[in-house]
Amino acid sequence: MSSPASHQDLALDALGNPIRRQMVRLLAKGPQPVGELAAHFPVSRPAISKHLRVLEGAGLVTRDAKGNRNYCRLEARGFEAARAWLDHFWDEALGRFKLLAENTAPRRKRG
């Protein structure tokens, strides 16, 4: 099994591509058949399949077969991993900012 950090890396790397981010935006409206999803993009069907495999590998998307169609839908697991990384990043950054602000605050003169 992969470590949580690798899930975070996969999710963030997958979301680094504008086509995949647009796929996520479209799927946020609800599950869609692969063919209908592909119709929104000016790339080949094999390229769409590759992007979907990256999103699936990152745990951001799953595919379900219904009849002769494959439907894609968002999967929370990958987004939770990305959010955990962002939360940790901001917690650390804000802590450092607070420390910097406290240590560089102007001192009042005693009068």
PDB file of N, CA and C in Angstrom:
ATOM      1  N   MET A   1       0.837  -1.184   0.000  1.00  0.00           N
ATOM      2  CA  MET A   1       0.000   0.000   0.000  1.00  0.00           C
ATOM      3  C   MET A   1       0.880   1.244   0.000  1.00  0.00           C
ATOM      4  N   SER A   2       0.411   2.294  -0.679  1.00  0.00           N
ATOM      5  CA  SER A   2       1.177   3.532  -0.779  1.00  0.00           C
ATOM      6  C   SER A   2       1.029   4.347   0.491  1.00  0.00           C
ATOM      7  N   SER A   3       2.025   5.183   0.729  1.00  0.00           N
ATOM      8  CA  SER A   3       1.964   6.070   1.890  1.00  0.00           C
ATOM      9  C   SER A   3       1.030   7.235   1.588  1.00  0.00           C
ATOM     10  N   PRO A   4       0.509   7.898   2.627  1.00  0.00           N
ATOM     11  CA  PRO A   4      -0.361   9.046   2.393  1.00  0.00           C
ATOM     12  C   PRO A   4       0.317  10.144   1.579  1.00  0.00           C
ATOM     13  N   ALA A   5       1.608  10.332   1.789  1.00  0.00           N
ATOM     14  CA  ALA A   5       2.313  11.371   1.031  1.00  0.00           C
ATOM     15  C   ALA A   5       2.256  11.077  -0.458  1.00  0.00           C
ATOM     16  N   SER A   6       2.354   9.825  -0.871  1.00  0.00           N
ATOM     17  CA  SER A   6       2.306   9.531  -2.292  1.00  0.00           C
ATOM     18  C   SER A   6       0.911   9.789  -2.850  1.00  0.00           C
ATOM     19  N   HIS A   7      -0.140   9.556  -2.063  1.00  0.00           N
ATOM     20  CA  HIS A   7      -1.502   9.893  -2.503  1.00  0.00           C
ATOM     21  C   HIS A   7      -1.625  11.403  -2.686  1.00  0.00           C
ATOM     22  N   GLN A   8      -1.030  12.157  -1.784  1.00  0.00           N
ATOM     23  CA  GLN A   8      -1.059  13.617  -1.883  1.00  0.00           C
ATOM     24  C   GLN A   8      -0.340  14.070  -3.148  1.00  0.00           C
ATOM     25  N   ASP A   9       0.841  13.519  -3.379  1.00  0.00           N
ATOM     26  CA  ASP A   9       1.610  13.890  -4.569  1.00  0.00           C
ATOM     27  C   ASP A   9       0.847  13.557  -5.842  1.00  0.00           C
ATOM     28  N   LEU A  10       0.263  12.369  -5.905  1.00  0.00           N
ATOM     29  CA  LEU A  10      -0.484  11.968  -7.091  1.00  0.00           C
ATOM     30  C   LEU A  10      -1.666  12.899  -7.341  1.00  0.00           C
ATOM     31  N   ALA A  11      -2.392  13.237  -6.294  1.00  0.00           N
ATOM     32  CA  ALA A  11      -3.559  14.109  -6.446  1.00  0.00           C
ATOM     33  C   ALA A  11      -3.137  15.503  -6.914  1.00  0.00           C
ATOM     34  N   LEU A  12      -2.121  16.063  -6.273  1.00  0.00           N
ATOM     35  CA  LEU A  12      -1.677  17.406  -6.649  1.00  0.00           C
ATOM     36  C   LEU A  12      -1.084  17.421  -8.058  1.00  0.00           C
ATOM     37  N   ASP A  13      -0.314  16.393  -8.400  1.00  0.00           N
ATOM     38  CA  ASP A  13       0.248  16.314  -9.755  1.00  0.00           C
ATOM     39  C   ASP A  13      -0.870  16.195 -10.791  1.00  0.00           C
ATOM     40  N   ALA A  14      -1.876  15.381 -10.508  1.00  0.00           N
ATOM     41  CA  ALA A  14      -2.989  15.213 -11.443  1.00  0.00           C
ATOM     42  C   ALA A  14      -3.726  16.525 -11.664  1.00  0.00           C
ATOM     43  N   LEU A  15      -3.897  17.294 -10.600  1.00  0.00           N
ATOM     44  CA  LEU A  15      -4.616  18.561 -10.706  1.00  0.00           C
ATOM     45  C   LEU A  15      -3.764  19.678 -11.308  1.00  0.00           C
ATOM     46  N   GLY A  16      -2.495  19.390 -11.558  1.00  0.00           N
ATOM     47  CA  GLY A  16      -1.609  20.379 -12.153  1.00  0.00           C
ATOM     48  C   GLY A  16      -1.836  20.582 -13.641  1.00  0.00           C
ATOM     49  N   ASN A  17      -2.650  19.745 -14.258  1.00  0.00           N
ATOM     50  CA  ASN A  17      -2.901  19.837 -15.687  1.00  0.00           C
ATOM     51  C   ASN A  17      -4.246  20.529 -15.939  1.00  0.00           C
ATOM     52  N   PRO A  18      -4.283  21.538 -16.818  1.00  0.00           N
ATOM     53  CA  PRO A  18      -5.531  22.274 -17.027  1.00  0.00           C
ATOM     54  C   PRO A  18      -6.678  21.427 -17.597  1.00  0.00           C
ATOM     55  N   ILE A  19      -6.378  20.470 -18.445  1.00  0.00           N
ATOM     56  CA  ILE A  19      -7.446  19.606 -18.980  1.00  0.00           C
ATOM     57  C   ILE A  19      -8.039  18.777 -17.851  1.00  0.00           C
ATOM     58  N   ARG A  20      -7.190  18.224 -16.997  1.00  0.00           N
ATOM     59  CA  ARG A  20      -7.716  17.418 -15.888  1.00  0.00           C
ATOM     60  C   ARG A  20      -8.497  18.274 -14.890  1.00  0.00           C
ATOM     61  N   ARG A  21      -8.043  19.502 -14.656  1.00  0.00           N
ATOM     62  CA  ARG A  21      -8.823  20.392 -13.768  1.00  0.00           C
ATOM     63  C   ARG A  21     -10.192  20.673 -14.368  1.00  0.00           C
ATOM     64  N   GLN A  22     -10.251  20.877 -15.681  1.00  0.00           N
ATOM     65  CA  GLN A  22     -11.541  21.121 -16.336  1.00  0.00           C
ATOM     66  C   GLN A  22     -12.416  19.866 -16.257  1.00  0.00           C
ATOM     67  N   MET A  23     -11.830  18.695 -16.388  1.00  0.00           N
ATOM     68  CA  MET A  23     -12.593  17.453 -16.228  1.00  0.00           C
ATOM     69  C   MET A  23     -13.208  17.388 -14.829  1.00  0.00           C
ATOM     70  N   VAL A  24     -12.414  17.748 -13.832  1.00  0.00           N
ATOM     71  CA  VAL A  24     -12.908  17.740 -12.455  1.00  0.00           C
ATOM     72  C   VAL A  24     -14.061  18.728 -12.311  1.00  0.00           C
ATOM     73  N   ARG A  25     -13.928  19.916 -12.911  1.00  0.00           N
ATOM     74  CA  ARG A  25     -15.015  20.906 -12.841  1.00  0.00           C
ATOM     75  C   ARG A  25     -16.300  20.344 -13.454  1.00  0.00           C
ATOM     76  N   LEU A  26     -16.170  19.690 -14.594  1.00  0.00           N
ATOM     77  CA  LEU A  26     -17.345  19.115 -15.250  1.00  0.00           C
ATOM     78  C   LEU A  26     -17.957  17.991 -14.419  1.00  0.00           C
ATOM     79  N   LEU A  27     -17.108  17.156 -13.841  1.00  0.00           N
ATOM     80  CA  LEU A  27     -17.605  16.030 -13.042  1.00  0.00           C
ATOM     81  C   LEU A  27     -18.174  16.490 -11.703  1.00  0.00           C
ATOM     82  N   ALA A  28     -17.823  17.690 -11.281  1.00  0.00           N
ATOM     83  CA  ALA A  28     -18.394  18.223 -10.044  1.00  0.00           C
ATOM     84  C   ALA A  28     -19.903  18.434 -10.190  1.00  0.00           C
ATOM     85  N   LYS A  29     -20.375  18.548 -11.423  1.00  0.00           N
ATOM     86  CA  LYS A  29     -21.815  18.703 -11.690  1.00  0.00           C
ATOM     87  C   LYS A  29     -22.550  17.373 -11.614  1.00  0.00           C
ATOM     88  N   GLY A  30     -21.784  16.277 -11.651  1.00  0.00           N
ATOM     89  CA  GLY A  30     -22.372  14.948 -11.572  1.00  0.00           C
ATOM     90  C   GLY A  30     -21.667  13.988 -12.510  1.00  0.00           C
ATOM     91  N   PRO A  31     -21.925  12.685 -12.337  1.00  0.00           N
ATOM     92  CA  PRO A  31     -21.287  11.675 -13.197  1.00  0.00           C
ATOM     93  C   PRO A  31     -21.622  11.906 -14.674  1.00  0.00           C
ATOM     94  N   GLN A  32     -20.667  11.574 -15.530  1.00  0.00           N
ATOM     95  CA  GLN A  32     -20.860  11.732 -16.970  1.00  0.00           C
ATOM     96  C   GLN A  32     -20.280  10.536 -17.703  1.00  0.00           C
ATOM     97  N   PRO A  33     -20.910  10.154 -18.806  1.00  0.00           N
ATOM     98  CA  PRO A  33     -20.305   9.116 -19.650  1.00  0.00           C
ATOM     99  C   PRO A  33     -18.995   9.644 -20.242  1.00  0.00           C
ATOM    100  N   VAL A  34     -18.055   8.763 -20.436  1.00  0.00           N
ATOM    101  CA  VAL A  34     -16.743   9.162 -20.958  1.00  0.00           C
ATOM    102  C   VAL A  34     -16.887   9.903 -22.280  1.00  0.00           C
ATOM    103  N   GLY A  35     -17.744   9.419 -23.174  1.00  0.00           N
ATOM    104  CA  GLY A  35     -17.929  10.065 -24.479  1.00  0.00           C
ATOM    105  C   GLY A  35     -18.426  11.490 -24.368  1.00  0.00           C
ATOM    106  N   GLU A  36     -19.365  11.734 -23.464  1.00  0.00           N
ATOM    107  CA  GLU A  36     -19.879  13.096 -23.277  1.00  0.00           C
ATOM    108  C   GLU A  36     -18.823  13.990 -22.643  1.00  0.00           C
ATOM    109  N   LEU A  37     -18.071  13.449 -21.743  1.00  0.00           N
ATOM    110  CA  LEU A  37     -16.986  14.208 -21.126  1.00  0.00           C
ATOM    111  C   LEU A  37     -15.954  14.577 -22.188  1.00  0.00           C
ATOM    112  N   ALA A  38     -15.607  13.627 -23.039  1.00  0.00           N
ATOM    113  CA  ALA A  38     -14.605  13.847 -24.085  1.00  0.00           C
ATOM    114  C   ALA A  38     -15.035  14.925 -25.072  1.00  0.00           C
ATOM    115  N   ALA A  39     -16.332  15.064 -25.291  1.00  0.00           N
ATOM    116  CA  ALA A  39     -16.832  16.043 -26.263  1.00  0.00           C
ATOM    117  C   ALA A  39     -16.514  17.480 -25.866  1.00  0.00           C
ATOM    118  N   HIS A  40     -16.163  17.721 -24.635  1.00  0.00           N
ATOM    119  CA  HIS A  40     -15.845  19.072 -24.164  1.00  0.00           C
ATOM    120  C   HIS A  40     -14.408  19.494 -24.466  1.00  0.00           C
ATOM    121  N   PHE A  41     -13.586  18.587 -25.000  1.00  0.00           N
ATOM    122  CA  PHE A  41     -12.162  18.865 -25.133  1.00  0.00           C
ATOM    123  C   PHE A  41     -11.678  18.703 -26.565  1.00  0.00           C
ATOM    124  N   PRO A  42     -10.726  19.554 -26.976  1.00  0.00           N
ATOM    125  CA  PRO A  42     -10.185  19.478 -28.335  1.00  0.00           C
ATOM    126  C   PRO A  42      -9.002  18.523 -28.445  1.00  0.00           C
ATOM    127  N   VAL A  43      -9.073  17.397 -27.723  1.00  0.00           N
ATOM    128  CA  VAL A  43      -8.001  16.404 -27.780  1.00  0.00           C
ATOM    129  C   VAL A  43      -8.605  15.055 -28.168  1.00  0.00           C
ATOM    130  N   SER A  44      -7.752  14.137 -28.563  1.00  0.00           N
ATOM    131  CA  SER A  44      -8.211  12.828 -29.024  1.00  0.00           C
ATOM    132  C   SER A  44      -8.824  12.008 -27.890  1.00  0.00           C
ATOM    133  N   ARG A  45      -9.610  11.028 -28.266  1.00  0.00           N
ATOM    134  CA  ARG A  45     -10.204  10.128 -27.279  1.00  0.00           C
ATOM    135  C   ARG A  45      -9.133   9.371 -26.481  1.00  0.00           C
ATOM    136  N   PRO A  46      -8.040   8.891 -27.139  1.00  0.00           N
ATOM    137  CA  PRO A  46      -6.975   8.262 -26.356  1.00  0.00           C
ATOM    138  C   PRO A  46      -6.356   9.224 -25.341  1.00  0.00           C
ATOM    139  N   ALA A  47      -6.238  10.507 -25.693  1.00  0.00           N
ATOM    140  CA  ALA A  47      -5.691  11.485 -24.746  1.00  0.00           C
ATOM    141  C   ALA A  47      -6.645  11.647 -23.561  1.00  0.00           C
ATOM    142  N   ILE A  48      -7.951  11.660 -23.816  1.00  0.00           N
ATOM    143  CA  ILE A  48      -8.944  11.753 -22.734  1.00  0.00           C
ATOM    144  C   ILE A  48      -8.805  10.544 -21.823  1.00  0.00           C
ATOM    145  N   SER A  49      -8.660   9.367 -22.410  1.00  0.00           N
ATOM    146  CA  SER A  49      -8.502   8.149 -21.609  1.00  0.00           C
ATOM    147  C   SER A  49      -7.252   8.225 -20.738  1.00  0.00           C
ATOM    148  N   LYS A  50      -6.181   8.771 -21.293  1.00  0.00           N
ATOM    149  CA  LYS A  50      -4.946   8.905 -20.516  1.00  0.00           C
ATOM    150  C   LYS A  50      -5.157   9.855 -19.340  1.00  0.00           C
ATOM    151  N   HIS A  51      -5.801  10.992 -19.585  1.00  0.00           N
ATOM    152  CA  HIS A  51      -6.080  11.937 -18.504  1.00  0.00           C
ATOM    153  C   HIS A  51      -6.956  11.292 -17.432  1.00  0.00           C
ATOM    154  N   LEU A  52      -7.946  10.531 -17.855  1.00  0.00           N
ATOM    155  CA  LEU A  52      -8.817   9.856 -16.885  1.00  0.00           C
ATOM    156  C   LEU A  52      -8.043   8.825 -16.065  1.00  0.00           C
ATOM    157  N   ARG A  53      -7.114   8.108 -16.695  1.00  0.00           N
ATOM    158  CA  ARG A  53      -6.294   7.141 -15.949  1.00  0.00           C
ATOM    159  C   ARG A  53      -5.454   7.842 -14.883  1.00  0.00           C
ATOM    160  N   VAL A  54      -4.925   9.019 -15.211  1.00  0.00           N
ATOM    161  CA  VAL A  54      -4.145   9.788 -14.227  1.00  0.00           C
ATOM    162  C   VAL A  54      -5.046  10.199 -13.063  1.00  0.00           C
ATOM    163  N   LEU A  55      -6.242  10.702 -13.370  1.00  0.00           N
ATOM    164  CA  LEU A  55      -7.189  11.094 -12.323  1.00  0.00           C
ATOM    165  C   LEU A  55      -7.612   9.896 -11.474  1.00  0.00           C
ATOM    166  N   GLU A  56      -7.810   8.758 -12.122  1.00  0.00           N
ATOM    167  CA  GLU A  56      -8.163   7.537 -11.383  1.00  0.00           C
ATOM    168  C   GLU A  56      -7.015   7.076 -10.497  1.00  0.00           C
ATOM    169  N   GLY A  57      -5.802   7.105 -11.034  1.00  0.00           N
ATOM    170  CA  GLY A  57      -4.632   6.687 -10.268  1.00  0.00           C
ATOM    171  C   GLY A  57      -4.396   7.557  -9.043  1.00  0.00           C
ATOM    172  N   ALA A  58      -4.851   8.803  -9.115  1.00  0.00           N
ATOM    173  CA  ALA A  58      -4.705   9.734  -7.998  1.00  0.00           C
ATOM    174  C   ALA A  58      -5.873   9.631  -7.027  1.00  0.00           C
ATOM    175  N   GLY A  59      -6.839   8.782  -7.340  1.00  0.00           N
ATOM    176  CA  GLY A  59      -7.998   8.625  -6.469  1.00  0.00           C
ATOM    177  C   GLY A  59      -8.994   9.763  -6.568  1.00  0.00           C
ATOM    178  N   LEU A  60      -8.930  10.547  -7.643  1.00  0.00           N
ATOM    179  CA  LEU A  60      -9.831  11.685  -7.823  1.00  0.00           C
ATOM    180  C   LEU A  60     -11.101  11.315  -8.586  1.00  0.00           C
ATOM    181  N   VAL A  61     -11.018  10.283  -9.406  1.00  0.00           N
ATOM    182  CA  VAL A  61     -12.127   9.877 -10.276  1.00  0.00           C
ATOM    183  C   VAL A  61     -12.247   8.361 -10.264  1.00  0.00           C
ATOM    184  N   THR A  62     -13.473   7.876 -10.360  1.00  0.00           N
ATOM    185  CA  THR A  62     -13.713   6.442 -10.572  1.00  0.00           C
ATOM    186  C   THR A  62     -14.625   6.297 -11.777  1.00  0.00           C
ATOM    187  N   ARG A  63     -14.573   5.115 -12.376  1.00  0.00           N
ATOM    188  CA  ARG A  63     -15.452   4.806 -13.516  1.00  0.00           C
ATOM    189  C   ARG A  63     -16.363   3.660 -13.133  1.00  0.00           C
ATOM    190  N   ASP A  64     -17.617   3.793 -13.528  1.00  0.00           N
ATOM    191  CA  ASP A  64     -18.606   2.750 -13.295  1.00  0.00           C
ATOM    192  C   ASP A  64     -19.231   2.372 -14.632  1.00  0.00           C
ATOM    193  N   ALA A  65     -19.312   1.076 -14.900  1.00  0.00           N
ATOM    194  CA  ALA A  65     -19.960   0.612 -16.122  1.00  0.00           C
ATOM    195  C   ALA A  65     -21.456   0.513 -15.888  1.00  0.00           C
ATOM    196  N   LYS A  66     -22.211   1.127 -16.786  1.00  0.00           N
ATOM    197  CA  LYS A  66     -23.678   1.027 -16.775  1.00  0.00           C
ATOM    198  C   LYS A  66     -24.099   0.697 -18.192  1.00  0.00           C
ATOM    199  N   GLY A  67     -24.489  -0.547 -18.380  1.00  0.00           N
ATOM    200  CA  GLY A  67     -24.807  -0.989 -19.736  1.00  0.00           C
ATOM    201  C   GLY A  67     -23.546  -0.974 -20.568  1.00  0.00           C
ATOM    202  N   ASN A  68     -23.629  -0.328 -21.727  1.00  0.00           N
ATOM    203  CA  ASN A  68     -22.448  -0.266 -22.599  1.00  0.00           C
ATOM    204  C   ASN A  68     -21.699   1.065 -22.454  1.00  0.00           C
ATOM    205  N   ARG A  69     -21.986   1.804 -21.404  1.00  0.00           N
ATOM    206  CA  ARG A  69     -21.326   3.091 -21.179  1.00  0.00           C
ATOM    207  C   ARG A  69     -20.527   3.065 -19.879  1.00  0.00           C
ATOM    208  N   ASN A  70     -19.411   3.768 -19.901  1.00  0.00           N
ATOM    209  CA  ASN A  70     -18.608   3.984 -18.694  1.00  0.00           C
ATOM    210  C   ASN A  70     -18.861   5.395 -18.197  1.00  0.00           C
ATOM    211  N   TYR A  71     -19.311   5.498 -16.965  1.00  0.00           N
ATOM    212  CA  TYR A  71     -19.558   6.792 -16.342  1.00  0.00           C
ATOM    213  C   TYR A  71     -18.401   7.128 -15.409  1.00  0.00           C
ATOM    214  N   CYS A  72     -17.978   8.382 -15.458  1.00  0.00           N
ATOM    215  CA  CYS A  72     -16.945   8.876 -14.547  1.00  0.00           C
ATOM    216  C   CYS A  72     -17.622   9.703 -13.477  1.00  0.00           C
ATOM    217  N   ARG A  73     -17.083   9.605 -12.277  1.00  0.00           N
ATOM    218  CA  ARG A  73     -17.575  10.435 -11.176  1.00  0.00           C
ATOM    219  C   ARG A  73     -16.401  10.769 -10.275  1.00  0.00           C
ATOM    220  N   LEU A  74     -16.559  11.844  -9.520  1.00  0.00           N
ATOM    221  CA  LEU A  74     -15.509  12.249  -8.592  1.00  0.00           C
ATOM    222  C   LEU A  74     -15.464  11.295  -7.411  1.00  0.00           C
ATOM    223  N   GLU A  75     -14.269  11.133  -6.876  1.00  0.00           N
ATOM    224  CA  GLU A  75     -14.029  10.267  -5.716  1.00  0.00           C
ATOM    225  C   GLU A  75     -13.370  11.118  -4.633  1.00  0.00           C
ATOM    226  N   ALA A  76     -13.923  11.104  -3.447  1.00  0.00           N
ATOM    227  CA  ALA A  76     -13.455  11.982  -2.370  1.00  0.00           C
ATOM    228  C   ALA A  76     -12.036  11.670  -1.899  1.00  0.00           C
ATOM    229  N   ARG A  77     -11.612  10.427  -1.983  1.00  0.00           N
ATOM    230  CA  ARG A  77     -10.316  10.020  -1.407  1.00  0.00           C
ATOM    231  C   ARG A  77      -9.148  10.884  -1.878  1.00  0.00           C
ATOM    232  N   GLY A  78      -9.055  11.114  -3.158  1.00  0.00           N
ATOM    233  CA  GLY A  78      -7.944  11.913  -3.689  1.00  0.00           C
ATOM    234  C   GLY A  78      -8.005  13.361  -3.268  1.00  0.00           C
ATOM    235  N   PHE A  79      -9.217  13.894  -3.202  1.00  0.00           N
ATOM    236  CA  PHE A  79      -9.365  15.287  -2.780  1.00  0.00           C
ATOM    237  C   PHE A  79      -9.028  15.445  -1.306  1.00  0.00           C
ATOM    238  N   GLU A  80      -9.352  14.452  -0.511  1.00  0.00           N
ATOM    239  CA  GLU A  80      -9.001  14.486   0.911  1.00  0.00           C
ATOM    240  C   GLU A  80      -7.489  14.492   1.088  1.00  0.00           C
ATOM    241  N   ALA A  81      -6.782  13.720   0.271  1.00  0.00           N
ATOM    242  CA  ALA A  81      -5.319  13.687   0.350  1.00  0.00           C
ATOM    243  C   ALA A  81      -4.727  15.047  -0.021  1.00  0.00           C
ATOM    244  N   ALA A  82      -5.239  15.657  -1.094  1.00  0.00           N
ATOM    245  CA  ALA A  82      -4.736  16.968  -1.508  1.00  0.00           C
ATOM    246  C   ALA A  82      -5.047  18.016  -0.448  1.00  0.00           C
ATOM    247  N   ARG A  83      -6.244  17.951   0.105  1.00  0.00           N
ATOM    248  CA  ARG A  83      -6.620  18.923   1.129  1.00  0.00           C
ATOM    249  C   ARG A  83      -5.747  18.765   2.378  1.00  0.00           C
ATOM    250  N   ALA A  84      -5.437  17.541   2.757  1.00  0.00           N
ATOM    251  CA  ALA A  84      -4.582  17.313   3.927  1.00  0.00           C
ATOM    252  C   ALA A  84      -3.217  17.964   3.714  1.00  0.00           C
ATOM    253  N   TRP A  85      -2.673  17.838   2.514  1.00  0.00           N
ATOM    254  CA  TRP A  85      -1.383  18.467   2.225  1.00  0.00           C
ATOM    255  C   TRP A  85      -1.494  19.975   2.324  1.00  0.00           C
ATOM    256  N   LEU A  86      -2.530  20.553   1.717  1.00  0.00           N
ATOM    257  CA  LEU A  86      -2.723  22.003   1.749  1.00  0.00           C
ATOM    258  C   LEU A  86      -2.938  22.506   3.172  1.00  0.00           C
ATOM    259  N   ASP A  87      -3.738  21.780   3.948  1.00  0.00           N
ATOM    260  CA  ASP A  87      -3.966  22.174   5.344  1.00  0.00           C
ATOM    261  C   ASP A  87      -2.659  22.190   6.125  1.00  0.00           C
ATOM    262  N   HIS A  88      -1.861  21.149   5.957  1.00  0.00           N
ATOM    263  CA  HIS A  88      -0.579  21.061   6.660  1.00  0.00           C
ATOM    264  C   HIS A  88       0.351  22.186   6.213  1.00  0.00           C
ATOM    265  N   PHE A  89       0.396  22.431   4.913  1.00  0.00           N
ATOM    266  CA  PHE A  89       1.236  23.498   4.369  1.00  0.00           C
ATOM    267  C   PHE A  89       0.853  24.836   4.982  1.00  0.00           C
ATOM    268  N   TRP A  90      -0.445  25.163   4.980  1.00  0.00           N
ATOM    269  CA  TRP A  90      -0.884  26.461   5.499  1.00  0.00           C
ATOM    270  C   TRP A  90      -0.715  26.564   7.005  1.00  0.00           C
ATOM    271  N   ASP A  91      -0.920  25.470   7.714  1.00  0.00           N
ATOM    272  CA  ASP A  91      -0.690  25.504   9.162  1.00  0.00           C
ATOM    273  C   ASP A  91       0.757  25.888   9.469  1.00  0.00           C
ATOM    274  N   GLU A  92       1.694  25.270   8.747  1.00  0.00           N
ATOM    275  CA  GLU A  92       3.107  25.592   8.946  1.00  0.00           C
ATOM    276  C   GLU A  92       3.424  27.020   8.523  1.00  0.00           C
ATOM    277  N   ALA A  93       2.922  27.415   7.351  1.00  0.00           N
ATOM    278  CA  ALA A  93       3.210  28.758   6.835  1.00  0.00           C
ATOM    279  C   ALA A  93       2.645  29.834   7.761  1.00  0.00           C
ATOM    280  N   LEU A  94       1.428  29.641   8.224  1.00  0.00           N
ATOM    281  CA  LEU A  94       0.823  30.630   9.115  1.00  0.00           C
ATOM    282  C   LEU A  94       1.534  30.682  10.463  1.00  0.00           C
ATOM    283  N   GLY A  95       1.999  29.543  10.947  1.00  0.00           N
ATOM    284  CA  GLY A  95       2.773  29.512  12.189  1.00  0.00           C
ATOM    285  C   GLY A  95       4.063  30.302  12.052  1.00  0.00           C
ATOM    286  N   ARG A  96       4.753  30.137  10.922  1.00  0.00           N
ATOM    287  CA  ARG A  96       5.990  30.892  10.687  1.00  0.00           C
ATOM    288  C   ARG A  96       5.702  32.384  10.547  1.00  0.00           C
ATOM    289  N   PHE A  97       4.610  32.714   9.880  1.00  0.00           N
ATOM    290  CA  PHE A  97       4.234  34.117   9.715  1.00  0.00           C
ATOM    291  C   PHE A  97       3.939  34.757  11.069  1.00  0.00           C
ATOM    292  N   LYS A  98       3.225  34.046  11.925  1.00  0.00           N
ATOM    293  CA  LYS A  98       2.913  34.562  13.268  1.00  0.00           C
ATOM    294  C   LYS A  98       4.205  34.809  14.044  1.00  0.00           C
ATOM    295  N   LEU A  99       5.119  33.845  14.000  1.00  0.00           N
ATOM    296  CA  LEU A  99       6.390  33.986  14.700  1.00  0.00           C
ATOM    297  C   LEU A  99       7.167  35.190  14.170  1.00  0.00           C
ATOM    298  N   LEU A 100       7.197  35.359  12.869  1.00  0.00           N
ATOM    299  CA  LEU A 100       7.884  36.490  12.260  1.00  0.00           C
ATOM    300  C   LEU A 100       7.241  37.807  12.700  1.00  0.00           C
ATOM    301  N   ALA A 101       5.921  37.846  12.677  1.00  0.00           N
ATOM    302  CA  ALA A 101       5.216  39.073  13.070  1.00  0.00           C
ATOM    303  C   ALA A 101       5.485  39.417  14.530  1.00  0.00           C
ATOM    304  N   GLU A 102       5.496  38.418  15.383  1.00  0.00           N
ATOM    305  CA  GLU A 102       5.746  38.655  16.806  1.00  0.00           C
ATOM    306  C   GLU A 102       7.175  39.138  17.065  1.00  0.00           C
ATOM    307  N   ASN A 103       8.105  38.644  16.258  1.00  0.00           N
ATOM    308  CA  ASN A 103       9.511  38.992  16.475  1.00  0.00           C
ATOM    309  C   ASN A 103       9.949  40.261  15.753  1.00  0.00           C
ATOM    310  N   THR A 104       9.106  40.795  14.901  1.00  0.00           N
ATOM    311  CA  THR A 104       9.481  42.018  14.171  1.00  0.00           C
ATOM    312  C   THR A 104       8.527  43.164  14.475  1.00  0.00           C
ATOM    313  N   ALA A 105       7.644  42.985  15.431  1.00  0.00           N
ATOM    314  CA  ALA A 105       6.711  44.058  15.798  1.00  0.00           C
ATOM    315  C   ALA A 105       7.491  45.237  16.359  1.00  0.00           C
ATOM    316  N   PRO A 106       7.093  46.450  15.990  1.00  0.00           N
ATOM    317  CA  PRO A 106       7.792  47.611  16.531  1.00  0.00           C
ATOM    318  C   PRO A 106       7.607  47.688  18.041  1.00  0.00           C
ATOM    319  N   ARG A 107       8.663  48.067  18.714  1.00  0.00           N
ATOM    320  CA  ARG A 107       8.609  48.173  20.173  1.00  0.00           C
ATOM    321  C   ARG A 107       8.246  49.601  20.546  1.00  0.00           C
ATOM    322  N   ARG A 108       7.425  49.718  21.541  1.00  0.00           N
ATOM    323  CA  ARG A 108       7.027  51.051  22.008  1.00  0.00           C
ATOM    324  C   ARG A 108       8.111  51.624  22.917  1.00  0.00           C
ATOM    325  N   LYS A 109       8.307  52.899  22.769  1.00  0.00           N
ATOM    326  CA  LYS A 109       9.259  53.595  23.654  1.00  0.00           C
ATOM    327  C   LYS A 109       8.559  53.910  24.971  1.00  0.00           C
ATOM    328  N   ARG A 110       9.286  53.705  26.008  1.00  0.00           N
ATOM    329  CA  ARG A 110       8.749  54.057  27.332  1.00  0.00           C
ATOM    330  C   ARG A 110       8.982  55.542  27.567  1.00  0.00           C
ATOM    331  N   GLY A 111       7.982  56.213  28.013  1.00  0.00           N
ATOM    332  CA  GLY A 111       8.120  57.641  28.143  1.00  0.00           C
ATOM    333  C   GLY A 111       7.922  58.188  29.453  1.00  0.00           C
TER     334      GLY A 111
END
